[in-house]
Amino acid sequence: RVLFRSNHYQYQNKTLTYLDGEEPCQSWYGHRDALDAVLVEDPLSALRLVQFKQNMTSVAILGTNLNAEKVQEIQQVTEHIYIAFDKDATGKSFTTARKWGNAFDTAKVIVLSRDIKDMTDAEISALPF
């Protein structure tokens, strides 16, 4: 279950995700046969990306925690990833790249000036991937 953009003051402008099981969960958007995948935190960012980056797959990993099961699923689709977590999670983007980057042929961090879900169309189109 996913609750988009909570109005609760503690979670304002966040996507809240409640998993019913222990299995890894992530959301895929775009073209599964694309050569590159962009890893983002939430479904809203993933959907915004595929509107303007139609040659890519966007994967909402539903937070910032990437684990072996999620990596294996992503490896089945691509060997080239971009990590574009929200602005407040830039440090976590680099930590993720250091931990899991060797599992892919290419792993690049995209440092964002603002969250993808809040970017204008022109800002998304100008992203370097």
Protein backbone atom coordinates (compact mmCIF):
# COMPACT_ATOMS: atom_id res chain seq x y z
CA ARG A 1 0.00 0.00 0.00
CA VAL A 2 1.27 3.46 -0.84
CA LEU A 3 -0.02 6.75 0.52
CA PHE A 4 1.08 9.64 -1.66
CA ARG A 5 1.98 13.02 -0.21
CA SER A 6 0.73 12.78 3.33
CA ASN A 7 -0.83 15.86 4.92
CA HIS A 8 0.47 14.83 8.35
CA TYR A 9 2.94 17.52 9.47
CA GLN A 10 5.66 14.98 10.28
CA TYR A 11 5.57 13.44 6.80
CA GLN A 12 4.64 16.41 4.66
CA ASN A 13 5.86 16.10 1.05
CA LYS A 14 6.85 12.47 1.52
CA THR A 15 5.48 9.26 0.08
CA LEU A 16 4.59 6.81 2.81
CA THR A 17 4.87 3.14 1.95
CA TYR A 18 3.48 0.30 4.02
CA LEU A 19 4.69 -3.16 3.01
CA ASP A 20 2.47 -6.11 3.82
CA GLY A 21 5.28 -8.67 3.63
CA GLU A 22 9.01 -9.12 4.06
CA GLU A 23 9.86 -9.52 0.38
CA PRO A 24 11.71 -6.72 -1.43
CA CYS A 25 9.45 -4.21 -3.08
CA GLN A 26 10.18 -1.64 -5.77
CA SER A 27 8.14 -0.04 -8.56
CA TRP A 28 9.19 -0.08 -12.21
CA TYR A 29 8.20 2.56 -14.77
CA GLY A 30 9.06 3.10 -18.40
CA HIS A 31 10.75 0.69 -20.75
CA ARG A 32 12.12 -2.52 -19.26
CA ASP A 33 14.23 -3.02 -22.40
CA ALA A 34 16.01 0.32 -21.93
CA LEU A 35 19.77 0.16 -21.48
CA ASP A 36 19.87 2.38 -18.38
CA ALA A 37 17.86 2.57 -15.17
CA VAL A 38 17.46 5.50 -12.80
CA LEU A 39 16.96 4.62 -9.14
CA VAL A 40 14.78 7.07 -7.25
CA GLU A 41 13.12 7.02 -3.85
CA ASP A 42 9.44 7.28 -4.68
CA PRO A 43 6.84 6.53 -7.38
CA LEU A 44 6.09 10.22 -8.02
CA SER A 45 9.71 10.89 -8.99
CA ALA A 46 9.80 7.74 -11.12
CA LEU A 47 6.66 8.75 -12.99
CA ARG A 48 7.94 12.28 -13.59
CA LEU A 49 11.15 10.90 -15.05
CA VAL A 50 9.54 8.60 -17.58
CA GLN A 51 7.42 11.46 -18.86
CA PHE A 52 10.56 13.15 -20.19
CA LYS A 53 13.22 10.44 -20.30
CA GLN A 54 11.44 7.86 -22.41
CA ASN A 55 14.61 5.94 -23.28
CA MET A 56 15.15 4.94 -19.65
CA THR A 57 13.65 2.74 -17.00
CA SER A 58 12.86 4.40 -13.71
CA VAL A 59 12.84 2.33 -10.53
CA ALA A 60 11.27 3.63 -7.33
CA ILE A 61 13.04 1.63 -4.62
CA LEU A 62 10.53 2.99 -2.07
CA GLY A 63 12.98 4.67 0.24
CA THR A 64 16.76 4.81 0.16
CA ASN A 65 17.59 1.26 1.22
CA LEU A 66 18.88 -0.96 -1.54
CA ASN A 67 19.45 -4.62 -0.65
CA ALA A 68 20.76 -7.71 -2.43
CA GLU A 69 17.31 -8.83 -3.58
CA LYS A 70 16.55 -5.46 -5.15
CA VAL A 71 19.99 -5.36 -6.79
CA GLN A 72 19.45 -8.83 -8.29
CA GLU A 73 16.13 -7.74 -9.76
CA ILE A 74 17.67 -4.61 -11.26
CA GLN A 75 20.59 -6.64 -12.68
CA GLN A 76 18.09 -8.74 -14.65
CA VAL A 77 17.12 -5.59 -16.56
CA THR A 78 20.26 -3.47 -16.82
CA GLU A 79 23.93 -3.20 -15.94
CA HIS A 80 23.93 0.62 -16.02
CA ILE A 81 22.31 2.63 -13.23
CA TYR A 82 21.99 6.22 -12.14
CA ILE A 83 21.18 6.94 -8.51
CA ALA A 84 19.04 10.06 -8.17
CA PHE A 85 17.68 10.11 -4.64
CA ASP A 86 15.97 13.23 -3.30
CA LYS A 87 18.13 16.24 -2.47
CA ASP A 88 18.03 15.51 1.26
CA ALA A 89 19.41 12.01 0.60
CA THR A 90 22.45 12.94 -1.50
CA GLY A 91 24.79 11.40 1.06
CA LYS A 92 22.77 8.17 0.95
CA SER A 93 23.10 8.19 -2.87
CA PHE A 94 26.89 8.10 -2.56
CA THR A 95 26.76 5.47 0.19
CA THR A 96 24.56 3.31 -2.05
CA ALA A 97 26.91 3.76 -5.00
CA ARG A 98 29.90 2.73 -2.89
CA LYS A 99 28.10 -0.31 -1.49
CA TRP A 100 26.38 -1.61 -4.64
CA GLY A 101 28.14 0.12 -7.56
CA ASN A 102 30.39 -2.87 -8.28
CA ALA A 103 27.30 -4.98 -8.97
CA PHE A 104 26.80 -2.97 -12.19
CA ASP A 105 28.98 -2.05 -15.16
CA THR A 106 28.17 1.61 -14.54
CA ALA A 107 26.81 3.29 -11.40
CA LYS A 108 26.65 7.08 -11.30
CA VAL A 109 25.20 9.42 -8.71
CA ILE A 110 23.18 12.38 -9.93
CA VAL A 111 23.30 15.26 -7.43
CA LEU A 112 19.96 17.04 -7.56
CA SER A 113 19.30 20.70 -6.80
CA ARG A 114 15.73 19.75 -5.82
CA ASP A 115 13.63 16.61 -5.70
CA ILE A 116 12.61 15.22 -9.11
CA LYS A 117 8.94 15.13 -8.14
CA ASP A 118 9.12 18.91 -7.55
CA MET A 119 11.13 19.81 -10.68
CA THR A 120 9.75 21.67 -13.65
CA ASP A 121 9.50 19.92 -17.00
CA ALA A 122 12.55 21.83 -18.25
CA GLU A 123 14.61 20.83 -15.19
CA ILE A 124 13.79 17.15 -15.71
CA SER A 125 14.60 17.33 -19.42
CA ALA A 126 17.98 18.86 -18.56
CA LEU A 127 19.03 16.08 -16.17
CA PRO A 128 22.36 14.55 -17.30
CA PHE A 129 21.20 11.08 -18.33
